Each structure stands twice: as C-alpha cells, then as structure tokens.
Amino acid sequence: MSEKKRGRPRAFDAKVTLEKARDVFWDRGFAGTSLDTLSAATQLNRPSLYGAFGDKEALYLDVMEAYRAESMDVLADALDPSLPLRDNLARVYKSALEIYLHGKTSARGCFLISTATAEAIQHERVRDLLSRSLEDFDGAIEQRMALAVERGELPDGSDVHMLARLASAVMHSLAVRARAGDSRKTLEALARSGVDMICGKA
C-alpha cells in the first residue's frame, strides 16, 4: 500500500482487513460490492477505509496484490525442484483446487480470474496488475520447465514458453469450471489430463 495513505485507525490489522475485503469482492465482484458492504465486513467505517486504502478501486488493487503474492508463494512451494516435474504440476493443480473449491455457498474459483477479468476492460490499473500476475505465474512455471528440459524430463527443443502457458491455461480452466459447479472428481480428472498432456502419460 502506498506510503501516502494516512488515517489508519490504531487497532488496524491490514492483512486481516484485506482478507475480509477479498472475501466480499470474491463473492460479489468489484462492481457488485458496495462500500457499505466492505465497511460491514471489515468493521471499519467509510472514513477509516478511505484513510487506510483510498477509494474502492485502490482497496481492490491492494487485495489483488496480496492474493498475487500469496499465490506466488503457493506456486513456488508446489514447483519444488527436488521433485519431478510431473509431481510439481500435480501439486500446482491440487493446491489450486483447494482454493478454487472453497466458498461458503459455492465454489469461488480463482480470485483473479473470477473478478479481475471482468474489470480489466474498464480499469487500466486492474488490467495491468492482472497481466503482471499472469506473467509472474507463467514465468515461474517456465523456469521449472526449462530445468526439466536440462534434466531430460521434457524433450530437447521443447517450447517451455508455450508449455508454461499451456499449464497455466489448464489452471484457468479449473478455476472457471469450479465456479461453474463442476465436481471435484471432474476437475481432478481434468488436472491429471493436463499433466499427461504436458509430461506424457506416466
């Protein structure tokens, strides 16, 4: 969050507040979320919210940034290079599904895919952060795939740039289908097929 933002209340936990705001945005979307709803969820009145984060878009961007950072940590753990690439991808998709299938009333999918894609056309800063997030995810997977080529886990000459994006595309499909109501069994089958498509059948 920007250093120029002022007026935070004394008993203020930014991480907890961002998590509460994220839950609201995740369920309702950016456009469908009112400041009154955010105020109730975070237990901060409007002046406190404005003082701590700025306007609704600035708060949403802070939530996006926190989600991106958490997702990168989860991805880094799943891509542990001490494990085979096949296991890495299986861990990526398993971790993703644990997030995507979570929700009080129904599966939420991915926060970025579910909410930011809808706002990217009208909000340049949202579009830029979404683009950077996807590039970061792709880049981490691509780096692991380049190592896989060196180790002989993938054939010489493999286009790791496109393979990484293919792996991400499977993840995006899992996110959308989870939100659409596909069962865990169906999504897990799709994830296994994605691993086979990239690594070859075991």
C-alpha atoms as a PDB file:
ATOM      1  CA  MET A   1       0.000   0.000   0.000  1.00  0.00           C
ATOM      2  CA  SER A   2       1.170   3.488  -0.758  1.00  0.00           C
ATOM      3  CA  GLU A   3       3.020   5.351   1.967  1.00  0.00           C
ATOM      4  CA  LYS A   4       0.960   8.433   1.249  1.00  0.00           C
ATOM      5  CA  LYS A   5      -2.205   6.766   2.564  1.00  0.00           C
ATOM      6  CA  ARG A   6      -2.936   8.068   6.019  1.00  0.00           C
ATOM      7  CA  GLY A   7      -5.530   7.961   8.750  1.00  0.00           C
ATOM      8  CA  ARG A   8      -5.305   4.317   9.724  1.00  0.00           C
ATOM      9  CA  PRO A   9      -7.052   3.540  12.993  1.00  0.00           C
ATOM     10  CA  ARG A  10      -4.814   2.425  15.841  1.00  0.00           C
ATOM     11  CA  ALA A  11      -6.207  -1.095  16.120  1.00  0.00           C
ATOM     12  CA  PHE A  12      -5.675  -1.782  12.444  1.00  0.00           C
ATOM     13  CA  ASP A  13      -4.524  -5.095  11.003  1.00  0.00           C
ATOM     14  CA  ALA A  14      -4.049  -4.551   7.269  1.00  0.00           C
ATOM     15  CA  LYS A  15      -3.666  -8.251   6.467  1.00  0.00           C
ATOM     16  CA  VAL A  16      -6.898  -9.234   8.204  1.00  0.00           C
ATOM     17  CA  THR A  17      -8.755  -6.303   6.647  1.00  0.00           C
ATOM     18  CA  LEU A  18      -7.562  -7.215   3.166  1.00  0.00           C
ATOM     19  CA  GLU A  19      -8.641 -10.831   3.695  1.00  0.00           C
ATOM     20  CA  LYS A  20     -12.125  -9.720   4.762  1.00  0.00           C
ATOM     21  CA  ALA A  21     -12.394  -7.362   1.807  1.00  0.00           C
ATOM     22  CA  ARG A  22     -11.166 -10.102  -0.518  1.00  0.00           C
ATOM     23  CA  ASP A  23     -13.968 -12.414   0.601  1.00  0.00           C
ATOM     24  CA  VAL A  24     -16.537  -9.757  -0.281  1.00  0.00           C
ATOM     25  CA  PHE A  25     -15.012  -8.959  -3.677  1.00  0.00           C
ATOM     26  CA  TRP A  26     -14.615 -12.668  -4.415  1.00  0.00           C
ATOM     27  CA  ASP A  27     -18.289 -13.400  -3.816  1.00  0.00           C
ATOM     28  CA  ARG A  28     -19.806 -10.220  -5.262  1.00  0.00           C
ATOM     29  CA  GLY A  29     -17.265  -8.976  -7.796  1.00  0.00           C
ATOM     30  CA  PHE A  30     -15.825  -5.475  -7.873  1.00  0.00           C
ATOM     31  CA  ALA A  31     -18.845  -3.757  -9.416  1.00  0.00           C
ATOM     32  CA  GLY A  32     -21.310  -5.594  -7.179  1.00  0.00           C
ATOM     33  CA  THR A  33     -19.506  -4.689  -3.978  1.00  0.00           C
ATOM     34  CA  SER A  34     -20.627  -1.556  -2.176  1.00  0.00           C
ATOM     35  CA  LEU A  35     -18.627   0.482   0.301  1.00  0.00           C
ATOM     36  CA  ASP A  36     -21.303  -0.221   2.902  1.00  0.00           C
ATOM     37  CA  THR A  37     -20.753  -3.970   2.428  1.00  0.00           C
ATOM     38  CA  LEU A  38     -16.998  -3.542   2.695  1.00  0.00           C
ATOM     39  CA  SER A  39     -17.406  -1.406   5.788  1.00  0.00           C
ATOM     40  CA  ALA A  40     -19.578  -4.039   7.449  1.00  0.00           C
ATOM     41  CA  ALA A  41     -17.241  -6.896   6.507  1.00  0.00           C
ATOM     42  CA  THR A  42     -14.061  -5.143   7.640  1.00  0.00           C
ATOM     43  CA  GLN A  43     -15.678  -3.438  10.644  1.00  0.00           C
ATOM     44  CA  LEU A  44     -14.172  -0.152   9.506  1.00  0.00           C
ATOM     45  CA  ASN A  45     -16.321   2.880   8.771  1.00  0.00           C
ATOM     46  CA  ARG A  46     -16.013   4.651   5.433  1.00  0.00           C
ATOM     47  CA  PRO A  47     -13.605   7.364   6.623  1.00  0.00           C
ATOM     48  CA  SER A  48     -11.314   4.692   8.073  1.00  0.00           C
ATOM     49  CA  LEU A  49     -11.426   2.674   4.847  1.00  0.00           C
ATOM     50  CA  TYR A  50     -10.666   5.756   2.759  1.00  0.00           C
ATOM     51  CA  GLY A  51      -7.910   6.797   5.123  1.00  0.00           C
ATOM     52  CA  ALA A  52      -6.252   3.392   5.069  1.00  0.00           C
ATOM     53  CA  PHE A  53      -6.680   2.376   1.421  1.00  0.00           C
ATOM     54  CA  GLY A  54      -8.105   5.215  -0.636  1.00  0.00           C
ATOM     55  CA  ASP A  55     -11.121   4.564  -2.859  1.00  0.00           C
ATOM     56  CA  LYS A  56     -12.749   1.214  -3.648  1.00  0.00           C
ATOM     57  CA  GLU A  57     -10.516   0.581  -6.642  1.00  0.00           C
ATOM     58  CA  ALA A  58      -7.377   1.211  -4.586  1.00  0.00           C
ATOM     59  CA  LEU A  59      -8.610  -1.242  -1.940  1.00  0.00           C
ATOM     60  CA  TYR A  60      -9.383  -3.801  -4.637  1.00  0.00           C
ATOM     61  CA  LEU A  61      -5.893  -3.387  -6.105  1.00  0.00           C
ATOM     62  CA  ASP A  62      -4.353  -3.943  -2.669  1.00  0.00           C
ATOM     63  CA  VAL A  63      -6.443  -7.104  -2.313  1.00  0.00           C
ATOM     64  CA  MET A  64      -5.331  -8.268  -5.762  1.00  0.00           C
ATOM     65  CA  GLU A  65      -1.693  -7.641  -4.901  1.00  0.00           C
ATOM     66  CA  ALA A  66      -1.960  -9.607  -1.654  1.00  0.00           C
ATOM     67  CA  TYR A  67      -3.651 -12.502  -3.463  1.00  0.00           C
ATOM     68  CA  ARG A  68      -0.956 -12.462  -6.164  1.00  0.00           C
ATOM     69  CA  ALA A  69       1.811 -12.600  -3.559  1.00  0.00           C
ATOM     70  CA  GLU A  70       0.148 -15.470  -1.672  1.00  0.00           C
ATOM     71  CA  SER A  71      -0.418 -17.363  -4.924  1.00  0.00           C
ATOM     72  CA  MET A  72       3.223 -16.974  -5.910  1.00  0.00           C
ATOM     73  CA  ASP A  73       4.260 -18.459  -2.565  1.00  0.00           C
ATOM     74  CA  VAL A  74       1.931 -21.434  -3.072  1.00  0.00           C
ATOM     75  CA  LEU A  75       3.226 -21.881  -6.625  1.00  0.00           C
ATOM     76  CA  ALA A  76       6.870 -21.757  -5.520  1.00  0.00           C
ATOM     77  CA  ASP A  77       6.201 -24.470  -2.940  1.00  0.00           C
ATOM     78  CA  ALA A  78       4.399 -26.658  -5.494  1.00  0.00           C
ATOM     79  CA  LEU A  79       7.257 -26.276  -8.006  1.00  0.00           C
ATOM     80  CA  ASP A  80       9.874 -27.621  -5.585  1.00  0.00           C
ATOM     81  CA  PRO A  81      12.725 -28.592  -7.957  1.00  0.00           C
ATOM     82  CA  SER A  82      13.670 -31.577  -5.796  1.00  0.00           C
ATOM     83  CA  LEU A  83      10.526 -33.265  -7.136  1.00  0.00           C
ATOM     84  CA  PRO A  84       9.833 -34.500 -10.684  1.00  0.00           C
ATOM     85  CA  LEU A  85       8.030 -32.091 -13.000  1.00  0.00           C
ATOM     86  CA  ARG A  86       5.002 -34.395 -13.123  1.00  0.00           C
ATOM     87  CA  ASP A  87       4.693 -34.188  -9.339  1.00  0.00           C
ATOM     88  CA  ASN A  88       5.201 -30.423  -9.475  1.00  0.00           C
ATOM     89  CA  LEU A  89       2.302 -29.896 -11.857  1.00  0.00           C
ATOM     90  CA  ALA A  90       0.082 -32.278  -9.908  1.00  0.00           C
ATOM     91  CA  ARG A  91       0.857 -30.261  -6.757  1.00  0.00           C
ATOM     92  CA  VAL A  92       0.121 -26.987  -8.566  1.00  0.00           C
ATOM     93  CA  TYR A  93      -3.309 -28.202  -9.627  1.00  0.00           C
ATOM     94  CA  LYS A  94      -4.088 -29.801  -6.264  1.00  0.00           C
ATOM     95  CA  SER A  95      -3.223 -26.576  -4.436  1.00  0.00           C
ATOM     96  CA  ALA A  96      -5.246 -24.578  -6.935  1.00  0.00           C
ATOM     97  CA  LEU A  97      -8.324 -26.749  -6.467  1.00  0.00           C
ATOM     98  CA  GLU A  98      -8.136 -26.366  -2.696  1.00  0.00           C
ATOM     99  CA  ILE A  99      -8.516 -22.638  -3.290  1.00  0.00           C
ATOM    100  CA  TYR A 100     -10.976 -22.785  -6.180  1.00  0.00           C
ATOM    101  CA  LEU A 101     -13.432 -25.161  -4.493  1.00  0.00           C
ATOM    102  CA  HIS A 102     -13.584 -23.084  -1.319  1.00  0.00           C
ATOM    103  CA  GLY A 103     -16.626 -20.932  -0.613  1.00  0.00           C
ATOM    104  CA  LYS A 104     -19.435 -20.579   1.901  1.00  0.00           C
ATOM    105  CA  THR A 105     -22.238 -21.056  -0.605  1.00  0.00           C
ATOM    106  CA  SER A 106     -20.479 -22.412  -3.720  1.00  0.00           C
ATOM    107  CA  ALA A 107     -17.033 -22.820  -5.251  1.00  0.00           C
ATOM    108  CA  ARG A 108     -15.402 -19.458  -5.891  1.00  0.00           C
ATOM    109  CA  GLY A 109     -12.769 -20.332  -8.468  1.00  0.00           C
ATOM    110  CA  CYS A 110      -9.689 -18.100  -8.717  1.00  0.00           C
ATOM    111  CA  PHE A 111      -9.985 -14.598  -7.290  1.00  0.00           C
ATOM    112  CA  LEU A 112      -8.129 -13.008 -10.213  1.00  0.00           C
ATOM    113  CA  ILE A 113      -9.827 -14.974 -12.979  1.00  0.00           C
ATOM    114  CA  SER A 114     -13.255 -14.629 -11.366  1.00  0.00           C
ATOM    115  CA  THR A 115     -13.150 -10.905 -10.647  1.00  0.00           C
ATOM    116  CA  ALA A 116     -10.275  -9.079 -12.355  1.00  0.00           C
ATOM    117  CA  THR A 117     -11.048 -10.275 -15.879  1.00  0.00           C
ATOM    118  CA  ALA A 118     -14.469  -8.628 -15.632  1.00  0.00           C
ATOM    119  CA  GLU A 119     -12.943  -5.283 -14.645  1.00  0.00           C
ATOM    120  CA  ALA A 120      -9.851  -5.268 -16.866  1.00  0.00           C
ATOM    121  CA  ILE A 121     -11.549  -3.525 -19.793  1.00  0.00           C
ATOM    122  CA  GLN A 122     -12.730  -0.515 -17.802  1.00  0.00           C
ATOM    123  CA  HIS A 123      -9.943  -0.268 -15.228  1.00  0.00           C
ATOM    124  CA  GLU A 124      -6.434   0.111 -16.609  1.00  0.00           C
ATOM    125  CA  ARG A 125      -4.703  -0.455 -13.264  1.00  0.00           C
ATOM    126  CA  VAL A 126      -6.649  -3.670 -12.744  1.00  0.00           C
ATOM    127  CA  ARG A 127      -5.722  -4.814 -16.251  1.00  0.00           C
ATOM    128  CA  ASP A 128      -2.040  -4.057 -15.663  1.00  0.00           C
ATOM    129  CA  LEU A 129      -1.944  -5.914 -12.352  1.00  0.00           C
ATOM    130  CA  LEU A 130      -3.823  -8.876 -13.821  1.00  0.00           C
ATOM    131  CA  SER A 131      -1.390  -9.014 -16.748  1.00  0.00           C
ATOM    132  CA  ARG A 132       1.626  -8.823 -14.441  1.00  0.00           C
ATOM    133  CA  SER A 133       0.196 -11.540 -12.219  1.00  0.00           C
ATOM    134  CA  LEU A 134      -0.342 -13.924 -15.132  1.00  0.00           C
ATOM    135  CA  GLU A 135       3.162 -13.197 -16.415  1.00  0.00           C
ATOM    136  CA  ASP A 136       4.606 -13.942 -12.979  1.00  0.00           C
ATOM    137  CA  PHE A 137       2.748 -17.265 -12.748  1.00  0.00           C
ATOM    138  CA  ASP A 138       3.791 -18.238 -16.276  1.00  0.00           C
ATOM    139  CA  GLY A 139       7.368 -17.212 -15.611  1.00  0.00           C
ATOM    140  CA  ALA A 140       7.682 -19.389 -12.509  1.00  0.00           C
ATOM    141  CA  ILE A 141       6.325 -22.422 -14.360  1.00  0.00           C
ATOM    142  CA  GLU A 142       8.505 -21.712 -17.395  1.00  0.00           C
ATOM    143  CA  GLN A 143      11.624 -21.591 -15.214  1.00  0.00           C
ATOM    144  CA  ARG A 144      10.797 -25.018 -13.770  1.00  0.00           C
ATOM    145  CA  MET A 145      10.154 -26.412 -17.264  1.00  0.00           C
ATOM    146  CA  ALA A 146      13.485 -25.118 -18.523  1.00  0.00           C
ATOM    147  CA  LEU A 147      15.111 -27.103 -15.712  1.00  0.00           C
ATOM    148  CA  ALA A 148      13.008 -30.107 -16.744  1.00  0.00           C
ATOM    149  CA  VAL A 149      14.488 -29.935 -20.249  1.00  0.00           C
ATOM    150  CA  GLU A 150      18.009 -29.865 -18.788  1.00  0.00           C
ATOM    151  CA  ARG A 151      17.192 -32.918 -16.685  1.00  0.00           C
ATOM    152  CA  GLY A 152      15.593 -34.841 -19.531  1.00  0.00           C
ATOM    153  CA  GLU A 153      12.101 -34.677 -18.051  1.00  0.00           C
ATOM    154  CA  LEU A 154      10.958 -32.895 -21.199  1.00  0.00           C
ATOM    155  CA  PRO A 155      12.355 -33.484 -24.717  1.00  0.00           C
ATOM    156  CA  ASP A 156      15.188 -31.317 -26.024  1.00  0.00           C
ATOM    157  CA  GLY A 157      13.824 -28.419 -28.001  1.00  0.00           C
ATOM    158  CA  SER A 158      10.579 -28.244 -26.021  1.00  0.00           C
ATOM    159  CA  ASP A 159       8.961 -24.822 -26.219  1.00  0.00           C
ATOM    160  CA  VAL A 160       8.932 -24.169 -22.480  1.00  0.00           C
ATOM    161  CA  HIS A 161       7.449 -20.710 -23.029  1.00  0.00           C
ATOM    162  CA  MET A 162       4.305 -22.136 -24.581  1.00  0.00           C
ATOM    163  CA  LEU A 163       4.226 -25.218 -22.356  1.00  0.00           C
ATOM    164  CA  ALA A 164       4.165 -22.955 -19.313  1.00  0.00           C
ATOM    165  CA  ARG A 165       1.227 -21.062 -20.736  1.00  0.00           C
ATOM    166  CA  LEU A 166      -0.494 -24.328 -21.531  1.00  0.00           C
ATOM    167  CA  ALA A 167      -0.024 -25.409 -17.913  1.00  0.00           C
ATOM    168  CA  SER A 168      -1.485 -22.074 -16.790  1.00  0.00           C
ATOM    169  CA  ALA A 169      -4.384 -22.469 -19.211  1.00  0.00           C
ATOM    170  CA  VAL A 170      -5.311 -25.753 -17.521  1.00  0.00           C
ATOM    171  CA  MET A 171      -5.280 -23.934 -14.188  1.00  0.00           C
ATOM    172  CA  HIS A 172      -7.521 -21.177 -15.574  1.00  0.00           C
ATOM    173  CA  SER A 173      -9.938 -23.776 -16.912  1.00  0.00           C
ATOM    174  CA  LEU A 174     -10.065 -25.427 -13.486  1.00  0.00           C
ATOM    175  CA  ALA A 175     -10.880 -22.039 -11.963  1.00  0.00           C
ATOM    176  CA  VAL A 176     -13.735 -21.306 -14.352  1.00  0.00           C
ATOM    177  CA  ARG A 177     -15.189 -24.804 -14.196  1.00  0.00           C
ATOM    178  CA  ALA A 178     -15.003 -24.863 -10.402  1.00  0.00           C
ATOM    179  CA  ARG A 179     -17.002 -21.644 -10.249  1.00  0.00           C
ATOM    180  CA  ALA A 180     -19.449 -23.089 -12.783  1.00  0.00           C
ATOM    181  CA  GLY A 181     -20.122 -26.029 -10.465  1.00  0.00           C
ATOM    182  CA  ASP A 182     -18.063 -28.912 -11.877  1.00  0.00           C
ATOM    183  CA  SER A 183     -17.447 -31.628  -9.305  1.00  0.00           C
ATOM    184  CA  ARG A 184     -14.095 -32.171  -7.627  1.00  0.00           C
ATOM    185  CA  LYS A 185     -13.879 -35.559  -9.351  1.00  0.00           C
ATOM    186  CA  THR A 186     -14.316 -33.961 -12.778  1.00  0.00           C
ATOM    187  CA  LEU A 187     -11.801 -31.231 -12.020  1.00  0.00           C
ATOM    188  CA  GLU A 188      -9.234 -33.677 -10.692  1.00  0.00           C
ATOM    189  CA  ALA A 189      -9.598 -35.738 -13.882  1.00  0.00           C
ATOM    190  CA  LEU A 190      -9.009 -32.601 -15.945  1.00  0.00           C
ATOM    191  CA  ALA A 191      -5.923 -31.808 -13.869  1.00  0.00           C
ATOM    192  CA  ARG A 192      -4.499 -35.306 -14.436  1.00  0.00           C
ATOM    193  CA  SER A 193      -5.125 -34.989 -18.160  1.00  0.00           C
ATOM    194  CA  GLY A 194      -3.322 -31.650 -18.138  1.00  0.00           C
ATOM    195  CA  VAL A 195      -0.274 -33.233 -16.522  1.00  0.00           C
ATOM    196  CA  ASP A 196      -0.328 -36.080 -19.066  1.00  0.00           C
ATOM    197  CA  MET A 197      -0.681 -33.622 -21.937  1.00  0.00           C
ATOM    198  CA  ILE A 198       2.437 -31.734 -20.859  1.00  0.00           C
ATOM    199  CA  CYS A 199       4.623 -34.519 -19.455  1.00  0.00           C
ATOM    200  CA  GLY A 200       3.326 -37.510 -21.397  1.00  0.00           C
ATOM    201  CA  LYS A 201       1.443 -40.397 -19.853  1.00  0.00           C
ATOM    202  CA  ALA A 202       3.129 -41.973 -16.857  1.00  0.00           C
END
